[in-house]
Protein backbone atom coordinates (compact mmCIF):
# COMPACT_ATOMS: atom_id res chain seq x y z
CA MET A 1 15.98 18.13 -51.65
CA GLN A 2 11.94 19.10 -52.28
CA TYR A 3 9.61 16.50 -51.86
CA ARG A 4 6.00 16.39 -54.10
CA ALA A 5 2.73 14.29 -53.75
CA LEU A 6 2.45 11.33 -55.81
CA GLY A 7 -0.91 12.05 -57.60
CA ARG A 8 -3.75 12.10 -55.24
CA SER A 9 -2.09 9.97 -52.63
CA GLY A 10 -0.57 11.27 -49.38
CA LEU A 11 2.93 9.63 -50.19
CA LYS A 12 5.72 12.38 -50.92
CA VAL A 13 8.53 11.65 -52.85
CA SER A 14 12.01 13.59 -53.89
CA THR A 15 11.34 15.55 -56.96
CA ILE A 16 14.70 13.71 -58.12
CA SER A 17 14.66 10.19 -57.44
CA LEU A 18 17.66 7.03 -58.06
CA GLY A 19 17.05 4.57 -60.66
CA SER A 20 18.88 1.40 -61.49
CA TRP A 21 18.18 0.78 -65.08
CA LEU A 22 21.49 -0.01 -66.59
CA THR A 23 23.64 0.63 -63.78
CA PHE A 24 22.98 -1.87 -60.58
CA GLY A 25 23.56 -4.85 -60.98
CA ASN A 26 24.80 -4.46 -64.34
CA SER A 27 27.48 -1.55 -65.28
CA VAL A 28 28.06 -0.72 -61.44
CA ASP A 29 29.54 -2.86 -58.75
CA GLN A 30 28.41 -3.31 -55.58
CA ALA A 31 30.52 -1.35 -53.76
CA MET A 32 29.88 1.38 -55.90
CA THR A 33 26.09 0.71 -55.65
CA GLU A 34 26.18 1.14 -52.28
CA ARG A 35 28.18 4.26 -52.18
CA ILE A 36 25.55 5.98 -54.69
CA VAL A 37 22.85 4.56 -52.39
CA ARG A 38 23.92 6.08 -49.55
CA ARG A 39 24.97 9.44 -51.32
CA ALA A 40 21.63 9.95 -52.67
CA PHE A 41 19.84 9.16 -49.00
CA GLU A 42 21.97 11.61 -47.68
CA ARG A 43 21.11 14.31 -49.90
CA GLY A 44 17.40 13.63 -49.24
CA VAL A 45 16.47 11.15 -52.00
CA ASN A 46 13.61 8.95 -50.82
CA LEU A 47 12.53 7.43 -53.88
CA PHE A 48 14.42 4.26 -55.52
CA ASP A 49 12.90 2.88 -58.28
CA THR A 50 13.82 -0.89 -60.01
CA ALA A 51 12.00 -3.18 -61.74
CA ASP A 52 12.00 -6.95 -61.70
CA VAL A 53 13.86 -7.40 -65.63
CA TYR A 54 16.45 -5.22 -64.93
CA ALA A 55 19.62 -7.36 -65.08
CA ARG A 56 17.32 -9.93 -64.53
CA GLY A 57 16.62 -9.59 -60.79
CA ALA A 58 20.23 -8.61 -60.48
CA ALA A 59 19.18 -4.69 -60.08
CA GLU A 60 16.61 -5.26 -57.31
CA GLU A 61 19.27 -7.84 -55.71
CA ALA A 62 21.89 -4.91 -55.37
CA LEU A 63 19.56 -2.26 -54.45
CA GLY A 64 18.28 -4.45 -51.52
CA LYS A 65 22.15 -5.12 -50.27
CA ALA A 66 22.87 -1.21 -50.79
CA ILE A 67 19.64 -0.17 -48.28
CA ALA A 68 20.44 -2.59 -45.62
CA GLY A 69 21.08 -0.64 -42.37
CA ILE A 70 18.99 2.65 -43.55
CA ASP A 71 15.76 3.13 -41.59
CA ARG A 72 13.37 1.55 -44.12
CA ARG A 73 10.34 3.61 -43.10
CA ARG A 74 12.27 6.49 -44.59
CA LEU A 75 12.44 4.91 -48.09
CA VAL A 76 9.95 4.69 -50.73
CA LEU A 77 11.06 1.62 -52.74
CA ALA A 78 9.69 1.21 -56.13
CA THR A 79 9.42 -1.89 -58.55
CA LYS A 80 7.89 -3.39 -61.63
CA CYS A 81 7.04 -6.35 -63.45
CA PHE A 82 5.59 -7.15 -67.07
CA PHE A 83 8.38 -8.48 -68.60
CA PRO A 84 9.65 -11.96 -69.02
CA MET A 85 11.58 -13.51 -66.25
CA SER A 86 12.28 -16.96 -67.74
CA ASP A 87 10.53 -19.12 -70.53
CA ASP A 88 7.92 -19.94 -68.58
CA VAL A 89 4.66 -19.41 -70.23
CA ASN A 90 3.34 -17.63 -67.04
CA ASP A 91 6.43 -15.66 -66.01
CA LYS A 92 5.37 -12.67 -67.64
CA GLY A 93 2.31 -10.33 -68.42
CA LEU A 94 -0.03 -9.06 -65.62
CA SER A 95 -2.06 -11.97 -64.93
CA ARG A 96 -3.12 -12.47 -61.04
CA LYS A 97 -0.52 -15.68 -61.19
CA HIS A 98 2.45 -13.36 -62.52
CA ILE A 99 1.87 -10.32 -60.19
CA HIS A 100 1.51 -12.28 -56.96
CA GLU A 101 4.71 -14.13 -57.51
CA SER A 102 6.91 -11.26 -58.95
CA VAL A 103 6.02 -9.16 -55.91
CA HIS A 104 6.98 -12.04 -53.70
CA ALA A 105 10.13 -12.40 -55.71
CA SER A 106 10.64 -8.80 -55.83
CA LEU A 107 10.16 -8.59 -51.87
CA ARG A 108 13.01 -11.40 -51.44
CA ARG A 109 15.51 -9.64 -53.73
CA LEU A 110 14.98 -6.53 -52.01
CA ARG A 111 15.02 -7.80 -48.56
CA THR A 112 12.00 -6.09 -47.30
CA ASP A 113 8.53 -6.93 -46.18
CA TYR A 114 6.80 -4.27 -48.56
CA VAL A 115 7.08 -2.56 -51.41
CA ASP A 116 5.91 1.03 -51.24
CA LEU A 117 4.92 1.40 -55.25
CA PHE A 118 4.27 -1.56 -57.11
CA GLN A 119 4.08 -0.66 -60.97
CA CYS A 120 2.72 -2.16 -64.23
CA HIS A 121 6.06 -1.94 -66.19
CA ARG A 122 3.71 -2.10 -69.67
CA PRO A 123 0.11 -2.73 -70.59
CA ASP A 124 -0.93 -6.27 -71.15
CA PRO A 125 -3.34 -6.65 -73.93
CA GLU A 126 -3.91 -10.76 -72.86
CA THR A 127 -5.03 -10.11 -69.58
CA PRO A 128 -8.16 -8.23 -68.79
CA VAL A 129 -7.34 -5.06 -66.52
CA LEU A 130 -10.13 -6.30 -64.19
CA GLU A 131 -7.97 -9.17 -63.06
CA THR A 132 -4.82 -7.14 -62.76
CA VAL A 133 -6.55 -4.33 -60.96
CA SER A 134 -8.01 -7.14 -58.52
CA ALA A 135 -4.83 -8.81 -58.00
CA LEU A 136 -2.91 -5.25 -57.51
CA ASP A 137 -5.68 -4.19 -54.57
CA ASP A 138 -5.85 -7.85 -52.99
CA LEU A 139 -1.84 -7.18 -52.57
CA ILE A 140 -2.76 -3.64 -50.80
CA ARG A 141 -4.88 -5.47 -48.55
CA GLN A 142 -2.43 -7.71 -47.48
CA GLY A 143 0.19 -5.30 -46.88
CA LYS A 144 2.49 -6.62 -49.66
CA ILE A 145 2.24 -3.17 -51.75
CA LEU A 146 1.12 0.17 -50.33
CA TYR A 147 0.35 1.94 -53.49
CA TRP A 148 0.30 0.84 -56.92
CA GLY A 149 1.31 2.38 -60.68
CA VAL A 150 1.42 1.96 -64.16
CA SER A 151 4.19 2.97 -66.63
CA MET A 152 4.05 3.36 -70.31
CA TRP A 153 0.55 3.32 -70.34
CA PRO A 154 -1.71 5.28 -72.90
CA ALA A 155 -4.13 8.05 -71.78
CA SER A 156 -7.10 6.24 -72.85
CA LEU A 157 -5.69 3.02 -70.85
CA ILE A 158 -5.02 5.35 -67.64
CA ARG A 159 -8.71 6.64 -67.60
CA HIS A 160 -10.39 2.89 -68.07
CA THR A 161 -8.48 1.63 -65.32
CA THR A 162 -9.06 4.58 -62.92
CA GLU A 163 -12.89 4.42 -64.09
CA LEU A 164 -13.03 0.67 -63.65
CA CYS A 165 -11.51 0.98 -60.25
CA ASP A 166 -13.99 3.25 -59.08
CA ALA A 167 -16.93 1.23 -60.32
CA GLN A 168 -15.55 -1.74 -58.55
CA GLY A 169 -14.54 -0.30 -55.23
CA LEU A 170 -10.67 -0.60 -56.02
CA HIS A 171 -7.69 1.20 -55.25
CA ARG A 172 -6.68 3.10 -57.78
CA PRO A 173 -3.25 3.34 -59.52
CA ILE A 174 -1.52 6.78 -58.23
CA SER A 175 1.51 6.88 -60.85
CA ASN A 176 2.34 6.55 -64.33
CA GLN A 177 6.04 6.15 -65.53
CA PRO A 178 7.14 7.60 -69.07
CA PRO A 179 10.17 8.78 -70.60
CA TYR A 180 9.86 12.58 -70.55
CA ASN A 181 13.01 14.85 -71.47
CA LEU A 182 13.56 17.90 -73.87
CA LEU A 183 14.13 15.55 -77.02
CA GLU A 184 10.74 13.58 -76.05
CA ARG A 185 8.22 15.52 -74.85
CA GLY A 186 5.22 13.75 -76.38
CA ILE A 187 3.30 12.90 -73.39
CA GLU A 188 2.69 16.67 -72.68
CA HIS A 189 -0.21 16.03 -75.42
CA ASP A 190 -2.73 13.56 -73.53
CA VAL A 191 -1.15 11.54 -71.11
CA ILE A 192 -0.23 13.84 -68.44
CA PRO A 193 -3.40 16.12 -68.70
CA GLU A 194 -5.31 12.68 -68.68
CA SER A 195 -3.11 11.55 -65.74
CA SER A 196 -3.81 14.77 -63.95
CA THR A 197 -7.84 14.62 -64.01
CA CYS A 198 -7.27 10.99 -62.97
CA GLY A 199 -5.05 11.59 -59.89
CA LEU A 200 -2.17 10.10 -61.11
CA ALA A 201 1.53 11.87 -61.18
CA GLN A 202 4.33 11.01 -63.52
CA ILE A 203 7.41 9.68 -62.25
CA VAL A 204 9.54 10.20 -65.80
CA TYR A 205 12.81 8.33 -66.59
CA SER A 206 15.32 9.16 -68.88
CA PRO A 207 14.83 13.32 -68.24
CA LEU A 208 18.56 13.82 -69.42
CA ALA A 209 17.86 11.55 -73.04
CA GLN A 210 19.99 8.86 -71.74
CA GLY A 211 22.93 11.25 -70.71
CA VAL A 212 22.74 12.84 -74.40
CA LEU A 213 21.19 16.28 -72.72
CA THR A 214 24.25 16.66 -70.31
CA GLY A 215 26.13 17.83 -73.46
CA LYS A 216 29.17 15.20 -72.92
CA TYR A 217 28.56 13.82 -76.42
CA THR A 218 29.89 15.70 -79.53
CA SER A 219 30.00 13.58 -81.70
CA ALA A 220 27.51 10.61 -83.25
CA ALA A 221 30.61 8.06 -83.11
CA THR A 222 31.69 7.21 -79.70
CA THR A 223 34.11 4.43 -78.74
CA ASP A 224 34.82 5.45 -74.85
CA VAL A 225 33.37 2.58 -72.74
CA LYS A 226 33.56 4.90 -69.88
CA VAL A 227 30.75 6.65 -71.26
CA ARG A 228 27.30 4.93 -71.84
CA ALA A 229 27.64 5.52 -75.98
CA GLY A 230 30.68 3.79 -76.14
CA ASN A 231 29.72 0.39 -74.02
CA PRO A 232 28.03 -1.85 -76.08
CA LYS A 233 26.49 -3.51 -73.03
CA ILE A 234 23.97 -0.69 -72.31
CA ASN A 235 24.36 1.78 -75.61
CA GLN A 236 21.29 0.13 -77.47
CA PHE A 237 18.94 2.89 -76.37
CA ILE A 238 20.82 5.97 -76.60
CA THR A 239 21.90 5.87 -80.29
CA LYS A 240 18.70 6.93 -81.72
CA TRP A 241 19.64 10.41 -79.80
CA LEU A 242 23.36 10.50 -81.58
CA THR A 243 22.46 12.46 -84.51
CA LYS A 244 23.60 15.66 -86.34
CA GLU A 245 20.04 17.50 -85.67
CA THR A 246 19.91 16.01 -81.84
CA LEU A 247 23.66 17.01 -81.48
CA LYS A 248 22.78 20.95 -82.60
CA GLN A 249 19.70 20.68 -80.55
CA VAL A 250 22.19 20.25 -77.57
CA ASP A 251 24.62 22.68 -78.40
CA GLU A 252 21.57 25.46 -78.10
CA LEU A 253 21.07 23.68 -74.77
CA LYS A 254 24.74 24.62 -73.59
CA ALA A 255 24.30 27.97 -74.74
CA ILE A 256 21.32 28.75 -72.95
CA ALA A 257 22.91 26.68 -69.48
CA ARG A 258 26.02 28.91 -69.77
CA SER A 259 23.90 32.30 -70.00
CA LEU A 260 22.45 31.21 -67.01
CA SER A 261 25.65 30.01 -65.22
CA LEU A 262 23.86 26.77 -64.98
CA THR A 263 25.16 22.96 -66.74
CA PRO A 264 22.87 21.36 -69.39
CA ALA A 265 21.93 18.88 -66.92
CA GLN A 266 20.75 21.16 -64.18
CA VAL A 267 19.02 23.37 -67.19
CA ALA A 268 17.32 19.79 -68.43
CA LEU A 269 16.13 18.50 -65.33
CA ALA A 270 14.92 21.72 -64.34
CA PHE A 271 12.57 22.09 -67.65
CA VAL A 272 11.39 18.39 -66.80
CA LEU A 273 10.60 19.67 -63.00
CA HIS A 274 8.75 22.80 -64.56
CA ASN A 275 5.95 20.85 -65.34
CA PRO A 276 3.37 20.16 -62.60
CA GLY A 277 2.43 17.21 -63.72
CA VAL A 278 5.51 15.89 -62.77
CA ALA A 279 6.15 14.40 -59.43
CA SER A 280 9.78 13.11 -59.71
CA ALA A 281 12.85 12.74 -62.24
CA ILE A 282 14.87 9.15 -62.22
CA VAL A 283 17.99 9.89 -62.47
CA GLY A 284 20.77 7.08 -63.08
CA ALA A 285 24.24 7.06 -61.71
CA THR A 286 27.88 5.86 -62.17
CA SER A 287 29.67 7.79 -59.50
CA GLU A 288 29.06 9.91 -56.39
CA ALA A 289 30.21 12.94 -58.52
CA GLN A 290 27.74 12.27 -61.35
CA LEU A 291 24.28 11.93 -58.77
CA ASP A 292 25.84 15.29 -57.12
CA GLU A 293 25.80 16.78 -60.35
CA ASN A 294 22.11 15.82 -61.03
CA LEU A 295 20.93 16.64 -57.57
CA SER A 296 22.01 20.15 -57.90
CA ALA A 297 19.20 20.77 -60.37
CA VAL A 298 16.97 20.54 -57.21
CA GLY A 299 15.35 24.15 -56.57
CA VAL A 300 16.34 25.80 -59.96
CA THR A 301 13.82 27.85 -61.35
CA LEU A 302 14.10 29.07 -64.84
CA PRO A 303 13.16 32.17 -66.05
CA ALA A 304 9.23 32.11 -68.36
CA GLU A 305 11.77 33.55 -71.13
CA THR A 306 14.28 30.28 -71.20
CA LEU A 307 11.46 28.02 -70.96
CA GLY A 308 9.93 29.42 -74.03
CA THR A 309 13.18 29.59 -75.93
CA LEU A 310 13.97 25.69 -74.96
CA GLN A 311 10.11 24.99 -76.09
CA LYS A 312 11.12 26.58 -79.16
CA ALA A 313 14.25 24.58 -79.61
CA PHE A 314 12.74 21.44 -78.63
CA PRO A 315 9.69 21.36 -80.27
CA THR A 316 7.32 18.46 -79.26
CA ARG A 317 6.65 15.52 -81.54
CA ARG A 318 4.07 12.74 -81.41
């Protein structure tokens, strides 16, 4: 495993991290969850990412059970809040009340005394940014969270927030969590450059575009419930990639991978990790074998010619 600093902090995270969106507490049972988590830890993964809204708390609970017995000091646990957790008017957003209550609920579900990285899952236009960052700073000073980050925040808000933290003497965010893959490269334009200037690193999700970049989908029509595209419980985010145009691009990726004696997944992950603004790429897994394939991308260095070919084959779209 390789490790990178998370922004300008001293925290080091594995370049491949394990996520729990659509898997833990959902499509993967507890026994397999524990096997996957243990396997990841044994292979050097230290960053485990989740969120309160994933399976309405069940993902955090499953992860909390899975890490039982692992030395807590060797883990970097990351979770998030923003989305509604009930129909209560205050059980959502980034108000001081919701952040405070969300952190403590996550701690209970994760069975831990502190969260290493607490992330604002989305911007909250209904709450002053100062209220949000002040609440997070208080939790850091209380030892309930060690660092904080954001997810899916635009470049302008990242800049405003870091400037506000500096002006108020508050702890800055150290990370942003956006989607980033060969098919979705928009953050290269402004989010990554602005984040780097402000001292934030990217922890990117969907580096394999929901599995499309593994090359396993050869048709837009998939009915096999064993794969994500055929499972109606978890396929609502993948259909946008299952087009003839995209699958043709994936065919190009397969050819490039074959020429390098690599898998499409290895090439796709290596492309994402080639960007110096990326500290870690979150992968999901439903089996140990799938996890192992993703982890095999660690240390893969793509030739400059290959990087150029990929950039042409998968142009950026704003």
